């Protein structure tokens, strides 16, 4: 579906009015989301006695395993946060 053909209320994926196609408010949200994702990954590693620095000394296979688990943890938590935000927004209607 082209950007101009989207149903009312849906945001476009790209904004052709900006150089990179991302609106300024989306950049702020993106930066905040990235910081939260990093914090959630850090939380996962910390719970297992590691940091982003300490895993650099681990064997590659173990490092990949931890990073994969941290990414999955962060992804699930972000999905939970987004789901709760939508739920609250729906309650407020």
PDB file of N, CA and C in Angstrom:
ATOM      1  N   UNK A   1       0.850  -1.170   0.000  1.00  0.00           N
ATOM      2  CA  UNK A   1       0.000   0.000   0.000  1.00  0.00           C
ATOM      3  C   UNK A   1       0.893   1.230   0.000  1.00  0.00           C
ATOM      4  N   UNK A   2       0.665   2.140  -0.880  1.00  0.00           N
ATOM      5  CA  UNK A   2       1.448   3.363  -0.963  1.00  0.00           C
ATOM      6  C   UNK A   2       1.140   4.246   0.232  1.00  0.00           C
ATOM      7  N   UNK A   3       2.071   5.100   0.587  1.00  0.00           N
ATOM      8  CA  UNK A   3       1.916   5.982   1.737  1.00  0.00           C
ATOM      9  C   UNK A   3       0.630   6.793   1.652  1.00  0.00           C
ATOM     10  N   UNK A   4       0.305   7.313   0.472  1.00  0.00           N
ATOM     11  CA  UNK A   4      -0.879   8.148   0.315  1.00  0.00           C
ATOM     12  C   UNK A   4      -2.169   7.350   0.329  1.00  0.00           C
ATOM     13  N   UNK A   5      -2.117   6.037   0.178  1.00  0.00           N
ATOM     14  CA  UNK A   5      -3.308   5.191   0.137  1.00  0.00           C
ATOM     15  C   UNK A   5      -3.620   4.542   1.479  1.00  0.00           C
ATOM     16  N   UNK A   6      -2.972   4.975   2.534  1.00  0.00           N
ATOM     17  CA  UNK A   6      -3.165   4.317   3.828  1.00  0.00           C
ATOM     18  C   UNK A   6      -4.509   4.706   4.441  1.00  0.00           C
ATOM     19  N   UNK A   7      -5.116   3.798   5.209  1.00  0.00           N
ATOM     20  CA  UNK A   7      -6.376   4.114   5.883  1.00  0.00           C
ATOM     21  C   UNK A   7      -6.178   5.256   6.881  1.00  0.00           C
ATOM     22  N   UNK A   8      -7.237   5.972   7.163  1.00  0.00           N
ATOM     23  CA  UNK A   8      -7.191   7.082   8.107  1.00  0.00           C
ATOM     24  C   UNK A   8      -6.684   6.590   9.459  1.00  0.00           C
ATOM     25  N   UNK A   9      -5.783   7.364  10.060  1.00  0.00           N
ATOM     26  CA  UNK A   9      -5.276   7.029  11.387  1.00  0.00           C
ATOM     27  C   UNK A   9      -3.984   6.237  11.385  1.00  0.00           C
ATOM     28  N   UNK A  10      -3.624   5.628  10.267  1.00  0.00           N
ATOM     29  CA  UNK A  10      -2.369   4.869  10.217  1.00  0.00           C
ATOM     30  C   UNK A  10      -1.239   5.793   9.834  1.00  0.00           C
ATOM     31  N   UNK A  11      -0.085   5.635  10.499  1.00  0.00           N
ATOM     32  CA  UNK A  11       1.082   6.447  10.203  1.00  0.00           C
ATOM     33  C   UNK A  11       1.849   5.834   9.047  1.00  0.00           C
ATOM     34  N   UNK A  12       2.431   6.677   8.202  1.00  0.00           N
ATOM     35  CA  UNK A  12       3.240   6.138   7.109  1.00  0.00           C
ATOM     36  C   UNK A  12       4.534   5.541   7.642  1.00  0.00           C
ATOM     37  N   UNK A  13       5.055   4.592   6.916  1.00  0.00           N
ATOM     38  CA  UNK A  13       6.325   3.992   7.286  1.00  0.00           C
ATOM     39  C   UNK A  13       7.445   4.986   7.029  1.00  0.00           C
ATOM     40  N   UNK A  14       7.360   5.705   5.934  1.00  0.00           N
ATOM     41  CA  UNK A  14       8.362   6.698   5.568  1.00  0.00           C
ATOM     42  C   UNK A  14       7.672   8.045   5.410  1.00  0.00           C
ATOM     43  N   UNK A  15       8.379   9.096   5.719  1.00  0.00           N
ATOM     44  CA  UNK A  15       7.874  10.444   5.529  1.00  0.00           C
ATOM     45  C   UNK A  15       8.711  11.086   4.437  1.00  0.00           C
ATOM     46  N   UNK A  16       8.123  11.254   3.268  1.00  0.00           N
ATOM     47  CA  UNK A  16       8.885  11.765   2.135  1.00  0.00           C
ATOM     48  C   UNK A  16       9.291  13.218   2.312  1.00  0.00           C
ATOM     49  N   UNK A  17       8.743  13.906   3.319  1.00  0.00           N
ATOM     50  CA  UNK A  17       9.077  15.302   3.547  1.00  0.00           C
ATOM     51  C   UNK A  17      10.396  15.514   4.270  1.00  0.00           C
ATOM     52  N   UNK A  18      11.077  14.449   4.671  1.00  0.00           N
ATOM     53  CA  UNK A  18      12.355  14.589   5.358  1.00  0.00           C
ATOM     54  C   UNK A  18      13.430  13.864   4.574  1.00  0.00           C
ATOM     55  N   UNK A  19      14.659  14.236   4.838  1.00  0.00           N
ATOM     56  CA  UNK A  19      15.784  13.678   4.088  1.00  0.00           C
ATOM     57  C   UNK A  19      15.892  12.169   4.233  1.00  0.00           C
ATOM     58  N   UNK A  20      15.785  11.677   5.460  1.00  0.00           N
ATOM     59  CA  UNK A  20      15.955  10.244   5.689  1.00  0.00           C
ATOM     60  C   UNK A  20      14.636   9.487   5.801  1.00  0.00           C
ATOM     61  N   UNK A  21      13.511  10.207   5.658  1.00  0.00           N
ATOM     62  CA  UNK A  21      12.214   9.547   5.716  1.00  0.00           C
ATOM     63  C   UNK A  21      11.707   9.303   7.119  1.00  0.00           C
ATOM     64  N   UNK A  22      12.421   9.807   8.115  1.00  0.00           N
ATOM     65  CA  UNK A  22      12.003   9.615   9.505  1.00  0.00           C
ATOM     66  C   UNK A  22      11.684  10.978  10.103  1.00  0.00           C
ATOM     67  N   UNK A  23      10.508  11.095  10.678  1.00  0.00           N
ATOM     68  CA  UNK A  23      10.104  12.363  11.275  1.00  0.00           C
ATOM     69  C   UNK A  23      10.880  12.605  12.566  1.00  0.00           C
ATOM     70  N   UNK A  24      11.098  13.884  12.952  1.00  0.00           N
ATOM     71  CA  UNK A  24      11.869  14.202  14.157  1.00  0.00           C
ATOM     72  C   UNK A  24      11.354  13.520  15.412  1.00  0.00           C
ATOM     73  N   UNK A  25      10.031  13.452  15.610  1.00  0.00           N
ATOM     74  CA  UNK A  25       9.515  12.813  16.819  1.00  0.00           C
ATOM     75  C   UNK A  25       9.808  11.312  16.827  1.00  0.00           C
ATOM     76  N   UNK A  26       9.879  10.705  15.632  1.00  0.00           N
ATOM     77  CA  UNK A  26      10.213   9.292  15.544  1.00  0.00           C
ATOM     78  C   UNK A  26      11.676   9.057  15.897  1.00  0.00           C
ATOM     79  N   UNK A  27      12.548  10.014  15.561  1.00  0.00           N
ATOM     80  CA  UNK A  27      13.968   9.900  15.913  1.00  0.00           C
ATOM     81  C   UNK A  27      14.132   9.903  17.420  1.00  0.00           C
ATOM     82  N   UNK A  28      13.380  10.771  18.120  1.00  0.00           N
ATOM     83  CA  UNK A  28      13.446  10.817  19.580  1.00  0.00           C
ATOM     84  C   UNK A  28      12.965   9.498  20.168  1.00  0.00           C
ATOM     85  N   UNK A  29      11.854   8.998  19.642  1.00  0.00           N
ATOM     86  CA  UNK A  29      11.306   7.731  20.120  1.00  0.00           C
ATOM     87  C   UNK A  29      12.282   6.597  19.859  1.00  0.00           C
ATOM     88  N   UNK A  30      12.906   6.643  18.696  1.00  0.00           N
ATOM     89  CA  UNK A  30      13.858   5.609  18.328  1.00  0.00           C
ATOM     90  C   UNK A  30      15.053   5.616  19.269  1.00  0.00           C
ATOM     91  N   UNK A  31      15.574   6.796  19.579  1.00  0.00           N
ATOM     92  CA  UNK A  31      16.720   6.899  20.488  1.00  0.00           C
ATOM     93  C   UNK A  31      16.346   6.397  21.881  1.00  0.00           C
ATOM     94  N   UNK A  32      15.157   6.754  22.342  1.00  0.00           N
ATOM     95  CA  UNK A  32      14.708   6.295  23.650  1.00  0.00           C
ATOM     96  C   UNK A  32      14.516   4.785  23.647  1.00  0.00           C
ATOM     97  N   UNK A  33      13.964   4.259  22.546  1.00  0.00           N
ATOM     98  CA  UNK A  33      13.773   2.814  22.426  1.00  0.00           C
ATOM     99  C   UNK A  33      15.088   2.060  22.411  1.00  0.00           C
ATOM    100  N   UNK A  34      16.073   2.624  21.725  1.00  0.00           N
ATOM    101  CA  UNK A  34      17.397   2.002  21.682  1.00  0.00           C
ATOM    102  C   UNK A  34      18.046   2.002  23.062  1.00  0.00           C
ATOM    103  N   UNK A  35      17.890   3.096  23.796  1.00  0.00           N
ATOM    104  CA  UNK A  35      18.454   3.175  25.143  1.00  0.00           C
ATOM    105  C   UNK A  35      17.781   2.153  26.064  1.00  0.00           C
ATOM    106  N   UNK A  36      16.465   2.023  25.935  1.00  0.00           N
ATOM    107  CA  UNK A  36      15.731   1.055  26.751  1.00  0.00           C
ATOM    108  C   UNK A  36      16.143  -0.368  26.387  1.00  0.00           C
ATOM    109  N   UNK A  37      16.268  -0.636  25.095  1.00  0.00           N
ATOM    110  CA  UNK A  37      16.694  -1.959  24.649  1.00  0.00           C
ATOM    111  C   UNK A  37      18.071  -2.304  25.218  1.00  0.00           C
ATOM    112  N   UNK A  38      18.979  -1.341  25.175  1.00  0.00           N
ATOM    113  CA  UNK A  38      20.327  -1.551  25.708  1.00  0.00           C
ATOM    114  C   UNK A  38      20.272  -1.808  27.212  1.00  0.00           C
ATOM    115  N   UNK A  39      19.448  -1.059  27.919  1.00  0.00           N
ATOM    116  CA  UNK A  39      19.309  -1.248  29.367  1.00  0.00           C
ATOM    117  C   UNK A  39      18.738  -2.623  29.696  1.00  0.00           C
ATOM    118  N   UNK A  40      17.786  -3.079  28.893  1.00  0.00           N
ATOM    119  CA  UNK A  40      17.200  -4.401  29.130  1.00  0.00           C
ATOM    120  C   UNK A  40      18.212  -5.514  28.854  1.00  0.00           C
ATOM    121  N   UNK A  41      19.022  -5.328  27.825  1.00  0.00           N
ATOM    122  CA  UNK A  41      20.069  -6.312  27.537  1.00  0.00           C
ATOM    123  C   UNK A  41      21.104  -6.318  28.666  1.00  0.00           C
ATOM    124  N   UNK A  42      21.439  -5.126  29.155  1.00  0.00           N
ATOM    125  CA  UNK A  42      22.381  -5.003  30.263  1.00  0.00           C
ATOM    126  C   UNK A  42      21.838  -5.697  31.508  1.00  0.00           C
ATOM    127  N   UNK A  43      20.544  -5.548  31.753  1.00  0.00           N
ATOM    128  CA  UNK A  43      19.887  -6.204  32.884  1.00  0.00           C
ATOM    129  C   UNK A  43      20.022  -7.730  32.769  1.00  0.00           C
ATOM    130  N   UNK A  44      19.780  -8.258  31.579  1.00  0.00           N
ATOM    131  CA  UNK A  44      19.894  -9.695  31.338  1.00  0.00           C
ATOM    132  C   UNK A  44      21.314 -10.182  31.632  1.00  0.00           C
ATOM    133  N   UNK A  45      22.282  -9.462  31.092  1.00  0.00           N
ATOM    134  CA  UNK A  45      23.683  -9.852  31.306  1.00  0.00           C
ATOM    135  C   UNK A  45      24.061  -9.746  32.772  1.00  0.00           C
ATOM    136  N   UNK A  46      23.621  -8.681  33.424  1.00  0.00           N
ATOM    137  CA  UNK A  46      23.925  -8.477  34.840  1.00  0.00           C
ATOM    138  C   UNK A  46      23.358  -9.607  35.705  1.00  0.00           C
ATOM    139  N   UNK A  47      22.146 -10.045  35.379  1.00  0.00           N
ATOM    140  CA  UNK A  47      21.527 -11.149  36.118  1.00  0.00           C
ATOM    141  C   UNK A  47      22.348 -12.435  36.002  1.00  0.00           C
ATOM    142  N   UNK A  48      23.172 -12.509  34.981  1.00  0.00           N
ATOM    143  CA  UNK A  48      24.015 -13.688  34.756  1.00  0.00           C
ATOM    144  C   UNK A  48      25.481 -13.428  35.109  1.00  0.00           C
ATOM    145  N   UNK A  49      25.711 -12.291  35.795  1.00  0.00           N
ATOM    146  CA  UNK A  49      27.052 -11.985  36.272  1.00  0.00           C
ATOM    147  C   UNK A  49      27.995 -11.412  35.223  1.00  0.00           C
ATOM    148  N   UNK A  50      27.456 -10.817  34.182  1.00  0.00           N
ATOM    149  CA  UNK A  50      28.283 -10.283  33.109  1.00  0.00           C
ATOM    150  C   UNK A  50      27.929  -8.839  32.797  1.00  0.00           C
ATOM    151  N   UNK A  51      28.782  -8.194  32.033  1.00  0.00           N
ATOM    152  CA  UNK A  51      28.535  -6.876  31.462  1.00  0.00           C
ATOM    153  C   UNK A  51      28.879  -6.969  29.985  1.00  0.00           C
ATOM    154  N   UNK A  52      28.580  -5.899  29.252  1.00  0.00           N
ATOM    155  CA  UNK A  52      28.961  -5.888  27.838  1.00  0.00           C
ATOM    156  C   UNK A  52      30.481  -5.982  27.703  1.00  0.00           C
ATOM    157  N   UNK A  53      31.201  -5.418  28.660  1.00  0.00           N
ATOM    158  CA  UNK A  53      32.666  -5.480  28.620  1.00  0.00           C
ATOM    159  C   UNK A  53      33.171  -6.879  28.969  1.00  0.00           C
ATOM    160  N   UNK A  54      32.600  -7.493  30.002  1.00  0.00           N
ATOM    161  CA  UNK A  54      33.113  -8.786  30.459  1.00  0.00           C
ATOM    162  C   UNK A  54      32.868  -9.915  29.456  1.00  0.00           C
ATOM    163  N   UNK A  55      31.818  -9.813  28.653  1.00  0.00           N
ATOM    164  CA  UNK A  55      31.559 -10.906  27.706  1.00  0.00           C
ATOM    165  C   UNK A  55      32.572 -10.926  26.563  1.00  0.00           C
ATOM    166  N   UNK A  56      33.318  -9.824  26.400  1.00  0.00           N
ATOM    167  CA  UNK A  56      34.337  -9.785  25.345  1.00  0.00           C
ATOM    168  C   UNK A  56      35.453 -10.799  25.604  1.00  0.00           C
ATOM    169  N   UNK A  57      35.608 -11.193  26.865  1.00  0.00           N
ATOM    170  CA  UNK A  57      36.665 -12.148  27.219  1.00  0.00           C
ATOM    171  C   UNK A  57      36.194 -13.600  27.120  1.00  0.00           C
ATOM    172  N   UNK A  58      34.919 -13.812  26.878  1.00  0.00           N
ATOM    173  CA  UNK A  58      34.369 -15.166  26.811  1.00  0.00           C
ATOM    174  C   UNK A  58      34.619 -15.789  25.444  1.00  0.00           C
ATOM    175  N   UNK A  59      34.579 -17.105  25.383  1.00  0.00           N
ATOM    176  CA  UNK A  59      34.667 -17.769  24.076  1.00  0.00           C
ATOM    177  C   UNK A  59      33.518 -17.304  23.181  1.00  0.00           C
ATOM    178  N   UNK A  60      33.766 -17.263  21.889  1.00  0.00           N
ATOM    179  CA  UNK A  60      32.796 -16.732  20.929  1.00  0.00           C
ATOM    180  C   UNK A  60      31.422 -17.399  21.041  1.00  0.00           C
ATOM    181  N   UNK A  61      31.396 -18.703  21.201  1.00  0.00           N
ATOM    182  CA  UNK A  61      30.113 -19.419  21.272  1.00  0.00           C
ATOM    183  C   UNK A  61      29.306 -18.969  22.496  1.00  0.00           C
ATOM    184  N   UNK A  62      29.965 -18.838  23.640  1.00  0.00           N
ATOM    185  CA  UNK A  62      29.284 -18.411  24.872  1.00  0.00           C
ATOM    186  C   UNK A  62      28.821 -16.954  24.740  1.00  0.00           C
ATOM    187  N   UNK A  63      29.663 -16.121  24.135  1.00  0.00           N
ATOM    188  CA  UNK A  63      29.322 -14.713  23.939  1.00  0.00           C
ATOM    189  C   UNK A  63      28.080 -14.584  23.049  1.00  0.00           C
ATOM    190  N   UNK A  64      28.046 -15.349  21.953  1.00  0.00           N
ATOM    191  CA  UNK A  64      26.880 -15.331  21.068  1.00  0.00           C
ATOM    192  C   UNK A  64      25.626 -15.799  21.795  1.00  0.00           C
ATOM    193  N   UNK A  65      25.779 -16.845  22.591  1.00  0.00           N
ATOM    194  CA  UNK A  65      24.647 -17.381  23.348  1.00  0.00           C
ATOM    195  C   UNK A  65      24.080 -16.326  24.305  1.00  0.00           C
ATOM    196  N   UNK A  66      24.961 -15.638  25.012  1.00  0.00           N
ATOM    197  CA  UNK A  66      24.515 -14.604  25.945  1.00  0.00           C
ATOM    198  C   UNK A  66      23.878 -13.421  25.215  1.00  0.00           C
ATOM    199  N   UNK A  67      24.502 -12.990  24.130  1.00  0.00           N
ATOM    200  CA  UNK A  67      23.946 -11.861  23.384  1.00  0.00           C
ATOM    201  C   UNK A  67      22.615 -12.213  22.739  1.00  0.00           C
ATOM    202  N   UNK A  68      22.482 -13.423  22.264  1.00  0.00           N
ATOM    203  CA  UNK A  68      21.214 -13.875  21.692  1.00  0.00           C
ATOM    204  C   UNK A  68      20.132 -13.879  22.778  1.00  0.00           C
ATOM    205  N   UNK A  69      20.470 -14.393  23.941  1.00  0.00           N
ATOM    206  CA  UNK A  69      19.516 -14.403  25.052  1.00  0.00           C
ATOM    207  C   UNK A  69      19.154 -12.995  25.501  1.00  0.00           C
ATOM    208  N   UNK A  70      20.150 -12.099  25.540  1.00  0.00           N
ATOM    209  CA  UNK A  70      19.910 -10.713  25.944  1.00  0.00           C
ATOM    210  C   UNK A  70      19.002 -10.018  24.933  1.00  0.00           C
ATOM    211  N   UNK A  71      19.237 -10.260  23.652  1.00  0.00           N
ATOM    212  CA  UNK A  71      18.411  -9.649  22.611  1.00  0.00           C
ATOM    213  C   UNK A  71      16.977 -10.171  22.682  1.00  0.00           C
ATOM    214  N   UNK A  72      16.821 -11.449  22.920  1.00  0.00           N
ATOM    215  CA  UNK A  72      15.486 -12.038  23.042  1.00  0.00           C
ATOM    216  C   UNK A  72      14.761 -11.464  24.260  1.00  0.00           C
ATOM    217  N   UNK A  73      15.480 -11.367  25.376  1.00  0.00           N
ATOM    218  CA  UNK A  73      14.916 -10.804  26.605  1.00  0.00           C
ATOM    219  C   UNK A  73      14.431  -9.376  26.353  1.00  0.00           C
ATOM    220  N   UNK A  74      15.289  -8.569  25.726  1.00  0.00           N
ATOM    221  CA  UNK A  74      14.941  -7.176  25.454  1.00  0.00           C
ATOM    222  C   UNK A  74      13.742  -7.090  24.513  1.00  0.00           C
ATOM    223  N   UNK A  75      13.722  -7.919  23.494  1.00  0.00           N
ATOM    224  CA  UNK A  75      12.626  -7.914  22.535  1.00  0.00           C
ATOM    225  C   UNK A  75      11.298  -8.249  23.203  1.00  0.00           C
ATOM    226  N   UNK A  76      11.307  -9.265  24.050  1.00  0.00           N
ATOM    227  CA  UNK A  76      10.082  -9.652  24.745  1.00  0.00           C
ATOM    228  C   UNK A  76       9.614  -8.568  25.706  1.00  0.00           C
ATOM    229  N   UNK A  77      10.541  -7.957  26.418  1.00  0.00           N
ATOM    230  CA  UNK A  77      10.184  -6.893  27.357  1.00  0.00           C
ATOM    231  C   UNK A  77       9.642  -5.669  26.615  1.00  0.00           C
ATOM    232  N   UNK A  78      10.271  -5.316  25.487  1.00  0.00           N
ATOM    233  CA  UNK A  78       9.790  -4.177  24.699  1.00  0.00           C
ATOM    234  C   UNK A  78       8.390  -4.447  24.153  1.00  0.00           C
ATOM    235  N   UNK A  79       8.142  -5.675  23.724  1.00  0.00           N
ATOM    236  CA  UNK A  79       6.807  -6.044  23.239  1.00  0.00           C
ATOM    237  C   UNK A  79       5.787  -5.950  24.376  1.00  0.00           C
ATOM    238  N   UNK A  80       6.188  -6.365  25.569  1.00  0.00           N
ATOM    239  CA  UNK A  80       5.298  -6.276  26.723  1.00  0.00           C
ATOM    240  C   UNK A  80       4.982  -4.816  27.045  1.00  0.00           C
ATOM    241  N   UNK A  81       5.987  -3.967  27.015  1.00  0.00           N
ATOM    242  CA  UNK A  81       5.794  -2.545  27.292  1.00  0.00           C
ATOM    243  C   UNK A  81       4.868  -1.920  26.251  1.00  0.00           C
ATOM    244  N   UNK A  82       5.097  -2.240  24.997  1.00  0.00           N
ATOM    245  CA  UNK A  82       4.254  -1.705  23.923  1.00  0.00           C
ATOM    246  C   UNK A  82       2.817  -2.186  24.066  1.00  0.00           C
ATOM    247  N   UNK A  83       2.655  -3.449  24.402  1.00  0.00           N
ATOM    248  CA  UNK A  83       1.322  -4.013  24.583  1.00  0.00           C
ATOM    249  C   UNK A  83       0.589  -3.318  25.734  1.00  0.00           C
ATOM    250  N   UNK A  84       1.299  -3.082  26.825  1.00  0.00           N
ATOM    251  CA  UNK A  84       0.677  -2.394  27.965  1.00  0.00           C
ATOM    252  C   UNK A  84       0.299  -0.956  27.593  1.00  0.00           C
ATOM    253  N   UNK A  85       1.169  -0.303  26.828  1.00  0.00           N
ATOM    254  CA  UNK A  85       0.881   1.073  26.412  1.00  0.00           C
ATOM    255  C   UNK A  85      -0.382   1.122  25.555  1.00  0.00           C
ATOM    256  N   UNK A  86      -0.529   0.167  24.644  1.00  0.00           N
ATOM    257  CA  UNK A  86      -1.738   0.110  23.809  1.00  0.00           C
ATOM    258  C   UNK A  86      -2.969  -0.176  24.667  1.00  0.00           C
ATOM    259  N   UNK A  87      -2.826  -1.052  25.655  1.00  0.00           N
ATOM    260  CA  UNK A  87      -3.931  -1.388  26.546  1.00  0.00           C
ATOM    261  C   UNK A  87      -4.386  -0.150  27.313  1.00  0.00           C
ATOM    262  N   UNK A  88      -3.445   0.600  27.863  1.00  0.00           N
ATOM    263  CA  UNK A  88      -3.778   1.814  28.610  1.00  0.00           C
ATOM    264  C   UNK A  88      -4.431   2.837  27.695  1.00  0.00           C
ATOM    265  N   UNK A  89      -3.894   2.978  26.481  1.00  0.00           N
ATOM    266  CA  UNK A  89      -4.464   3.920  25.522  1.00  0.00           C
ATOM    267  C   UNK A  89      -5.903   3.536  25.193  1.00  0.00           C
ATOM    268  N   UNK A  90      -6.150   2.240  25.018  1.00  0.00           N
ATOM    269  CA  UNK A  90      -7.514   1.772  24.739  1.00  0.00           C
ATOM    270  C   UNK A  90      -8.445   2.027  25.922  1.00  0.00           C
ATOM    271  N   UNK A  91      -7.944   1.893  27.139  1.00  0.00           N
ATOM    272  CA  UNK A  91      -8.759   2.148  28.325  1.00  0.00           C
ATOM    273  C   UNK A  91      -9.152   3.611  28.424  1.00  0.00           C
ATOM    274  N   UNK A  92      -8.265   4.479  27.958  1.00  0.00           N
ATOM    275  CA  UNK A  92      -8.512   5.916  28.053  1.00  0.00           C
ATOM    276  C   UNK A  92      -9.523   6.417  27.023  1.00  0.00           C
ATOM    277  N   UNK A  93      -9.874   5.615  26.056  1.00  0.00           N
ATOM    278  CA  UNK A  93     -10.837   6.029  25.012  1.00  0.00           C
ATOM    279  C   UNK A  93     -12.246   6.011  25.519  1.00  0.00           C
TER     280      UNK A  93
END
